[in-house]
Amino acid sequence: MNTNIENLNQLPLNKIGKIKKIDCEECIKRRLLDMGLVKGTNIEPILVSPSKDPRAFLVRGTIIAIRKEDAKDIKIM
């Protein structure tokens, strides 16, 4: 993976990243954690909406839509 990628919103389609940290408001963080976005989980952007926001990500066998505003707060490695 490209070492310049730090946030989930920078991850190109069909490239797999690993969640390092979620750095956002507690209520949004709780919702993301409940959907399975925990440290060490693989995440892959697979679809982009026509308006480019939100994007769909494959997480633990489930497709989840995440807005750019929230994706920028998800740090990946």
PDB file of N, CA and C in Angstrom:
ATOM      1  N   MET A   1       0.837  -1.180   0.000  1.00  0.00           N
ATOM      2  CA  MET A   1       0.000   0.000   0.000  1.00  0.00           C
ATOM      3  C   MET A   1       0.881   1.242   0.000  1.00  0.00           C
ATOM      4  N   ASN A   2       0.390   2.306  -0.605  1.00  0.00           N
ATOM      5  CA  ASN A   2       1.105   3.570  -0.676  1.00  0.00           C
ATOM      6  C   ASN A   2       1.230   4.168   0.722  1.00  0.00           C
ATOM      7  N   THR A   3       2.453   4.489   1.139  1.00  0.00           N
ATOM      8  CA  THR A   3       2.666   5.003   2.492  1.00  0.00           C
ATOM      9  C   THR A   3       2.186   6.439   2.654  1.00  0.00           C
ATOM     10  N   ASN A   4       1.856   7.151   1.551  1.00  0.00           N
ATOM     11  CA  ASN A   4       1.354   8.514   1.643  1.00  0.00           C
ATOM     12  C   ASN A   4      -0.120   8.557   2.037  1.00  0.00           C
ATOM     13  N   ILE A   5      -0.806   7.446   1.971  1.00  0.00           N
ATOM     14  CA  ILE A   5      -2.223   7.405   2.308  1.00  0.00           C
ATOM     15  C   ILE A   5      -2.355   7.332   3.821  1.00  0.00           C
ATOM     16  N   GLU A   6      -3.051   8.311   4.381  1.00  0.00           N
ATOM     17  CA  GLU A   6      -3.223   8.356   5.829  1.00  0.00           C
ATOM     18  C   GLU A   6      -4.676   8.236   6.247  1.00  0.00           C
ATOM     19  N   ASN A   7      -5.597   8.744   5.410  1.00  0.00           N
ATOM     20  CA  ASN A   7      -7.011   8.753   5.751  1.00  0.00           C
ATOM     21  C   ASN A   7      -7.790   7.874   4.786  1.00  0.00           C
ATOM     22  N   LEU A   8      -8.897   7.350   5.250  1.00  0.00           N
ATOM     23  CA  LEU A   8      -9.713   6.463   4.429  1.00  0.00           C
ATOM     24  C   LEU A   8     -10.206   7.153   3.163  1.00  0.00           C
ATOM     25  N   ASN A   9     -10.483   8.457   3.227  1.00  0.00           N
ATOM     26  CA  ASN A   9     -10.987   9.144   2.034  1.00  0.00           C
ATOM     27  C   ASN A   9      -9.925   9.255   0.938  1.00  0.00           C
ATOM     28  N   GLN A  10      -8.665   8.954   1.222  1.00  0.00           N
ATOM     29  CA  GLN A  10      -7.587   8.990   0.225  1.00  0.00           C
ATOM     30  C   GLN A  10      -7.324   7.629  -0.410  1.00  0.00           C
ATOM     31  N   LEU A  11      -7.921   6.575   0.115  1.00  0.00           N
ATOM     32  CA  LEU A  11      -7.658   5.221  -0.364  1.00  0.00           C
ATOM     33  C   LEU A  11      -8.333   5.004  -1.720  1.00  0.00           C
ATOM     34  N   PRO A  12      -7.559   4.627  -2.759  1.00  0.00           N
ATOM     35  CA  PRO A  12      -8.137   4.409  -4.090  1.00  0.00           C
ATOM     36  C   PRO A  12      -9.057   3.186  -4.114  1.00  0.00           C
ATOM     37  N   LEU A  13      -9.947   3.177  -5.099  1.00  0.00           N
ATOM     38  CA  LEU A  13     -10.851   2.039  -5.278  1.00  0.00           C
ATOM     39  C   LEU A  13     -10.076   0.736  -5.395  1.00  0.00           C
ATOM     40  N   ASN A  14     -10.628  -0.295  -4.798  1.00  0.00           N
ATOM     41  CA  ASN A  14     -10.106  -1.662  -4.874  1.00  0.00           C
ATOM     42  C   ASN A  14      -8.722  -1.853  -4.265  1.00  0.00           C
ATOM     43  N   LYS A  15      -8.294  -0.934  -3.419  1.00  0.00           N
ATOM     44  CA  LYS A  15      -7.058  -1.097  -2.648  1.00  0.00           C
ATOM     45  C   LYS A  15      -7.455  -1.335  -1.196  1.00  0.00           C
ATOM     46  N   ILE A  16      -6.799  -2.256  -0.557  1.00  0.00           N
ATOM     47  CA  ILE A  16      -7.157  -2.613   0.816  1.00  0.00           C
ATOM     48  C   ILE A  16      -6.292  -1.842   1.802  1.00  0.00           C
ATOM     49  N   GLY A  17      -6.947  -1.243   2.779  1.00  0.00           N
ATOM     50  CA  GLY A  17      -6.259  -0.573   3.870  1.00  0.00           C
ATOM     51  C   GLY A  17      -6.621  -1.253   5.180  1.00  0.00           C
ATOM     52  N   LYS A  18      -5.892  -0.929   6.224  1.00  0.00           N
ATOM     53  CA  LYS A  18      -6.158  -1.494   7.548  1.00  0.00           C
ATOM     54  C   LYS A  18      -6.418  -0.326   8.492  1.00  0.00           C
ATOM     55  N   ILE A  19      -7.507  -0.397   9.229  1.00  0.00           N
ATOM     56  CA  ILE A  19      -7.880   0.690  10.129  1.00  0.00           C
ATOM     57  C   ILE A  19      -6.872   0.784  11.270  1.00  0.00           C
ATOM     58  N   LYS A  20      -6.367   2.002  11.457  1.00  0.00           N
ATOM     59  CA  LYS A  20      -5.403   2.262  12.517  1.00  0.00           C
ATOM     60  C   LYS A  20      -6.067   2.982  13.692  1.00  0.00           C
ATOM     61  N   LYS A  21      -6.952   3.963  13.384  1.00  0.00           N
ATOM     62  CA  LYS A  21      -7.548   4.776  14.440  1.00  0.00           C
ATOM     63  C   LYS A  21      -8.755   5.512  13.880  1.00  0.00           C
ATOM     64  N   ILE A  22      -9.763   5.719  14.718  1.00  0.00           N
ATOM     65  CA  ILE A  22     -10.902   6.557  14.351  1.00  0.00           C
ATOM     66  C   ILE A  22     -10.846   7.780  15.241  1.00  0.00           C
ATOM     67  N   ASP A  23     -10.726   8.941  14.613  1.00  0.00           N
ATOM     68  CA  ASP A  23     -10.510  10.188  15.342  1.00  0.00           C
ATOM     69  C   ASP A  23     -11.639  11.167  15.017  1.00  0.00           C
ATOM     70  N   CYS A  24     -12.810  10.970  15.645  1.00  0.00           N
ATOM     71  CA  CYS A  24     -13.956  11.840  15.378  1.00  0.00           C
ATOM     72  C   CYS A  24     -14.804  11.969  16.638  1.00  0.00           C
ATOM     73  N   GLU A  25     -15.953  12.641  16.486  1.00  0.00           N
ATOM     74  CA  GLU A  25     -16.857  12.813  17.616  1.00  0.00           C
ATOM     75  C   GLU A  25     -17.283  11.450  18.159  1.00  0.00           C
ATOM     76  N   GLU A  26     -17.498  11.398  19.444  1.00  0.00           N
ATOM     77  CA  GLU A  26     -17.792  10.123  20.111  1.00  0.00           C
ATOM     78  C   GLU A  26     -19.032   9.430  19.551  1.00  0.00           C
ATOM     79  N   CYS A  27     -20.088  10.182  19.224  1.00  0.00           N
ATOM     80  CA  CYS A  27     -21.313   9.541  18.736  1.00  0.00           C
ATOM     81  C   CYS A  27     -21.093   8.895  17.366  1.00  0.00           C
ATOM     82  N   ILE A  28     -20.322   9.535  16.507  1.00  0.00           N
ATOM     83  CA  ILE A  28     -20.021   8.960  15.192  1.00  0.00           C
ATOM     84  C   ILE A  28     -19.052   7.798  15.353  1.00  0.00           C
ATOM     85  N   LYS A  29     -18.074   7.961  16.217  1.00  0.00           N
ATOM     86  CA  LYS A  29     -17.107   6.889  16.468  1.00  0.00           C
ATOM     87  C   LYS A  29     -17.816   5.627  16.959  1.00  0.00           C
ATOM     88  N   ARG A  30     -18.758   5.770  17.863  1.00  0.00           N
ATOM     89  CA  ARG A  30     -19.505   4.625  18.395  1.00  0.00           C
ATOM     90  C   ARG A  30     -20.252   3.921  17.269  1.00  0.00           C
ATOM     91  N   ARG A  31     -20.883   4.696  16.375  1.00  0.00           N
ATOM     92  CA  ARG A  31     -21.632   4.107  15.263  1.00  0.00           C
ATOM     93  C   ARG A  31     -20.702   3.341  14.333  1.00  0.00           C
ATOM     94  N   LEU A  32     -19.532   3.910  14.023  1.00  0.00           N
ATOM     95  CA  LEU A  32     -18.565   3.236  13.154  1.00  0.00           C
ATOM     96  C   LEU A  32     -18.038   1.957  13.806  1.00  0.00           C
ATOM     97  N   LEU A  33     -17.755   2.016  15.085  1.00  0.00           N
ATOM     98  CA  LEU A  33     -17.293   0.822  15.808  1.00  0.00           C
ATOM     99  C   LEU A  33     -18.366  -0.266  15.802  1.00  0.00           C
ATOM    100  N   ASP A  34     -19.624   0.137  15.982  1.00  0.00           N
ATOM    101  CA  ASP A  34     -20.731  -0.823  15.965  1.00  0.00           C
ATOM    102  C   ASP A  34     -20.876  -1.501  14.607  1.00  0.00           C
ATOM    103  N   MET A  35     -20.460  -0.819  13.534  1.00  0.00           N
ATOM    104  CA  MET A  35     -20.535  -1.396  12.187  1.00  0.00           C
ATOM    105  C   MET A  35     -19.320  -2.266  11.868  1.00  0.00           C
ATOM    106  N   GLY A  36     -18.401  -2.400  12.826  1.00  0.00           N
ATOM    107  CA  GLY A  36     -17.262  -3.291  12.628  1.00  0.00           C
ATOM    108  C   GLY A  36     -15.969  -2.609  12.236  1.00  0.00           C
ATOM    109  N   LEU A  37     -15.938  -1.287  12.232  1.00  0.00           N
ATOM    110  CA  LEU A  37     -14.719  -0.566  11.881  1.00  0.00           C
ATOM    111  C   LEU A  37     -13.854  -0.406  13.126  1.00  0.00           C
ATOM    112  N   VAL A  38     -13.158  -1.456  13.478  1.00  0.00           N
ATOM    113  CA  VAL A  38     -12.289  -1.441  14.649  1.00  0.00           C
ATOM    114  C   VAL A  38     -10.833  -1.538  14.200  1.00  0.00           C
ATOM    115  N   LYS A  39      -9.935  -1.166  15.084  1.00  0.00           N
ATOM    116  CA  LYS A  39      -8.503  -1.185  14.786  1.00  0.00           C
ATOM    117  C   LYS A  39      -8.083  -2.559  14.261  1.00  0.00           C
ATOM    118  N   GLY A  40      -7.324  -2.548  13.164  1.00  0.00           N
ATOM    119  CA  GLY A  40      -6.815  -3.783  12.583  1.00  0.00           C
ATOM    120  C   GLY A  40      -7.707  -4.403  11.523  1.00  0.00           C
ATOM    121  N   THR A  41      -8.905  -3.861  11.330  1.00  0.00           N
ATOM    122  CA  THR A  41      -9.836  -4.415  10.345  1.00  0.00           C
ATOM    123  C   THR A  41      -9.470  -3.946   8.940  1.00  0.00           C
ATOM    124  N   ASN A  42      -9.503  -4.868   7.980  1.00  0.00           N
ATOM    125  CA  ASN A  42      -9.287  -4.502   6.580  1.00  0.00           C
ATOM    126  C   ASN A  42     -10.514  -3.784   6.047  1.00  0.00           C
ATOM    127  N   ILE A  43     -10.275  -2.777   5.194  1.00  0.00           N
ATOM    128  CA  ILE A  43     -11.358  -2.014   4.584  1.00  0.00           C
ATOM    129  C   ILE A  43     -10.968  -1.696   3.149  1.00  0.00           C
ATOM    130  N   GLU A  44     -11.935  -1.822   2.238  1.00  0.00           N
ATOM    131  CA  GLU A  44     -11.653  -1.640   0.811  1.00  0.00           C
ATOM    132  C   GLU A  44     -12.757  -0.814   0.159  1.00  0.00           C
ATOM    133  N   PRO A  45     -12.416   0.335  -0.449  1.00  0.00           N
ATOM    134  CA  PRO A  45     -13.423   1.091  -1.197  1.00  0.00           C
ATOM    135  C   PRO A  45     -13.783   0.341  -2.483  1.00  0.00           C
ATOM    136  N   ILE A  46     -15.083   0.108  -2.694  1.00  0.00           N
ATOM    137  CA  ILE A  46     -15.485  -0.674  -3.864  1.00  0.00           C
ATOM    138  C   ILE A  46     -16.413   0.078  -4.813  1.00  0.00           C
ATOM    139  N   LEU A  47     -17.097   1.111  -4.342  1.00  0.00           N
ATOM    140  CA  LEU A  47     -18.011   1.877  -5.191  1.00  0.00           C
ATOM    141  C   LEU A  47     -17.976   3.347  -4.811  1.00  0.00           C
ATOM    142  N   VAL A  48     -18.216   4.207  -5.814  1.00  0.00           N
ATOM    143  CA  VAL A  48     -18.334   5.641  -5.574  1.00  0.00           C
ATOM    144  C   VAL A  48     -19.675   6.078  -6.137  1.00  0.00           C
ATOM    145  N   SER A  49     -20.429   6.861  -5.375  1.00  0.00           N
ATOM    146  CA  SER A  49     -21.719   7.338  -5.866  1.00  0.00           C
ATOM    147  C   SER A  49     -21.488   8.333  -7.006  1.00  0.00           C
ATOM    148  N   PRO A  50     -22.503   8.583  -7.836  1.00  0.00           N
ATOM    149  CA  PRO A  50     -22.338   9.526  -8.952  1.00  0.00           C
ATOM    150  C   PRO A  50     -21.875  10.916  -8.509  1.00  0.00           C
ATOM    151  N   SER A  51     -22.268  11.329  -7.313  1.00  0.00           N
ATOM    152  CA  SER A  51     -21.852  12.643  -6.812  1.00  0.00           C
ATOM    153  C   SER A  51     -20.516  12.588  -6.068  1.00  0.00           C
ATOM    154  N   LYS A  52     -19.870  11.404  -6.060  1.00  0.00           N
ATOM    155  CA  LYS A  52     -18.570  11.155  -5.407  1.00  0.00           C
ATOM    156  C   LYS A  52     -18.647  11.080  -3.884  1.00  0.00           C
ATOM    157  N   ASP A  53     -19.831  11.229  -3.322  1.00  0.00           N
ATOM    158  CA  ASP A  53     -19.987  11.159  -1.876  1.00  0.00           C
ATOM    159  C   ASP A  53     -21.391  10.674  -1.563  1.00  0.00           C
ATOM    160  N   PRO A  54     -21.598   9.593  -0.845  1.00  0.00           N
ATOM    161  CA  PRO A  54     -20.623   8.783  -0.125  1.00  0.00           C
ATOM    162  C   PRO A  54     -19.959   7.743  -1.023  1.00  0.00           C
ATOM    163  N   ARG A  55     -19.017   7.026  -0.425  1.00  0.00           N
ATOM    164  CA  ARG A  55     -18.377   5.882  -1.082  1.00  0.00           C
ATOM    165  C   ARG A  55     -18.774   4.627  -0.321  1.00  0.00           C
ATOM    166  N   ALA A  56     -18.776   3.498  -1.031  1.00  0.00           N
ATOM    167  CA  ALA A  56     -19.111   2.218  -0.401  1.00  0.00           C
ATOM    168  C   ALA A  56     -17.823   1.456  -0.121  1.00  0.00           C
ATOM    169  N   PHE A  57     -17.744   0.876   1.060  1.00  0.00           N
ATOM    170  CA  PHE A  57     -16.561   0.144   1.502  1.00  0.00           C
ATOM    171  C   PHE A  57     -16.951  -1.271   1.895  1.00  0.00           C
ATOM    172  N   LEU A  58     -16.069  -2.205   1.602  1.00  0.00           N
ATOM    173  CA  LEU A  58     -16.251  -3.592   2.025  1.00  0.00           C
ATOM    174  C   LEU A  58     -15.527  -3.774   3.355  1.00  0.00           C
ATOM    175  N   VAL A  59     -16.304  -4.126   4.382  1.00  0.00           N
ATOM    176  CA  VAL A  59     -15.766  -4.314   5.733  1.00  0.00           C
ATOM    177  C   VAL A  59     -16.325  -5.616   6.285  1.00  0.00           C
ATOM    178  N   ARG A  60     -15.457  -6.583   6.533  1.00  0.00           N
ATOM    179  CA  ARG A  60     -15.869  -7.860   7.125  1.00  0.00           C
ATOM    180  C   ARG A  60     -17.028  -8.505   6.370  1.00  0.00           C
ATOM    181  N   GLY A  61     -16.980  -8.449   5.038  1.00  0.00           N
ATOM    182  CA  GLY A  61     -17.997  -9.086   4.215  1.00  0.00           C
ATOM    183  C   GLY A  61     -19.277  -8.289   4.045  1.00  0.00           C
ATOM    184  N   THR A  62     -19.315  -7.065   4.558  1.00  0.00           N
ATOM    185  CA  THR A  62     -20.494  -6.209   4.474  1.00  0.00           C
ATOM    186  C   THR A  62     -20.132  -4.919   3.750  1.00  0.00           C
ATOM    187  N   ILE A  63     -21.050  -4.422   2.923  1.00  0.00           N
ATOM    188  CA  ILE A  63     -20.831  -3.156   2.229  1.00  0.00           C
ATOM    189  C   ILE A  63     -21.445  -2.042   3.066  1.00  0.00           C
ATOM    190  N   ILE A  64     -20.631  -1.030   3.367  1.00  0.00           N
ATOM    191  CA  ILE A  64     -21.040   0.089   4.209  1.00  0.00           C
ATOM    192  C   ILE A  64     -20.756   1.390   3.469  1.00  0.00           C
ATOM    193  N   ALA A  65     -21.735   2.295   3.426  1.00  0.00           N
ATOM    194  CA  ALA A  65     -21.540   3.616   2.822  1.00  0.00           C
ATOM    195  C   ALA A  65     -21.027   4.574   3.898  1.00  0.00           C
ATOM    196  N   ILE A  66     -19.956   5.292   3.564  1.00  0.00           N
ATOM    197  CA  ILE A  66     -19.369   6.256   4.494  1.00  0.00           C
ATOM    198  C   ILE A  66     -19.155   7.569   3.750  1.00  0.00           C
ATOM    199  N   ARG A  67     -19.601   8.670   4.359  1.00  0.00           N
ATOM    200  CA  ARG A  67     -19.412   9.998   3.765  1.00  0.00           C
ATOM    201  C   ARG A  67     -17.946  10.419   3.861  1.00  0.00           C
ATOM    202  N   LYS A  68     -17.516  11.244   2.912  1.00  0.00           N
ATOM    203  CA  LYS A  68     -16.134  11.751   2.925  1.00  0.00           C
ATOM    204  C   LYS A  68     -15.820  12.447   4.243  1.00  0.00           C
ATOM    205  N   GLU A  69     -16.803  13.179   4.746  1.00  0.00           N
ATOM    206  CA  GLU A  69     -16.620  13.915   5.998  1.00  0.00           C
ATOM    207  C   GLU A  69     -16.230  12.977   7.146  1.00  0.00           C
ATOM    208  N   ASP A  70     -16.813  11.788   7.162  1.00  0.00           N
ATOM    209  CA  ASP A  70     -16.482  10.812   8.203  1.00  0.00           C
ATOM    210  C   ASP A  70     -15.240  10.007   7.835  1.00  0.00           C
ATOM    211  N   ALA A  71     -15.061   9.711   6.551  1.00  0.00           N
ATOM    212  CA  ALA A  71     -13.914   8.905   6.103  1.00  0.00           C
ATOM    213  C   ALA A  71     -12.586   9.609   6.374  1.00  0.00           C
ATOM    214  N   LYS A  72     -12.583  10.933   6.354  1.00  0.00           N
ATOM    215  CA  LYS A  72     -11.328  11.662   6.593  1.00  0.00           C
ATOM    216  C   LYS A  72     -10.837  11.487   8.029  1.00  0.00           C
ATOM    217  N   ASP A  73     -11.740  11.104   8.933  1.00  0.00           N
ATOM    218  CA  ASP A  73     -11.372  10.909  10.337  1.00  0.00           C
ATOM    219  C   ASP A  73     -10.952   9.480  10.655  1.00  0.00           C
ATOM    220  N   ILE A  74     -10.993   8.596   9.649  1.00  0.00           N
ATOM    221  CA  ILE A  74     -10.588   7.208   9.847  1.00  0.00           C
ATOM    222  C   ILE A  74      -9.167   7.059   9.322  1.00  0.00           C
ATOM    223  N   LYS A  75      -8.238   6.859  10.221  1.00  0.00           N
ATOM    224  CA  LYS A  75      -6.822   6.732   9.865  1.00  0.00           C
ATOM    225  C   LYS A  75      -6.537   5.289   9.480  1.00  0.00           C
ATOM    226  N   ILE A  76      -5.784   5.113   8.392  1.00  0.00           N
ATOM    227  CA  ILE A  76      -5.460   3.763   7.927  1.00  0.00           C
ATOM    228  C   ILE A  76      -3.959   3.602   7.768  1.00  0.00           C
ATOM    229  N   MET A  77      -3.544   2.337   7.676  1.00  0.00           N
ATOM    230  CA  MET A  77      -2.138   2.040   7.403  1.00  0.00           C
ATOM    231  C   MET A  77      -2.068   1.069   6.257  1.00  0.00           C
TER     232      MET A  77
END
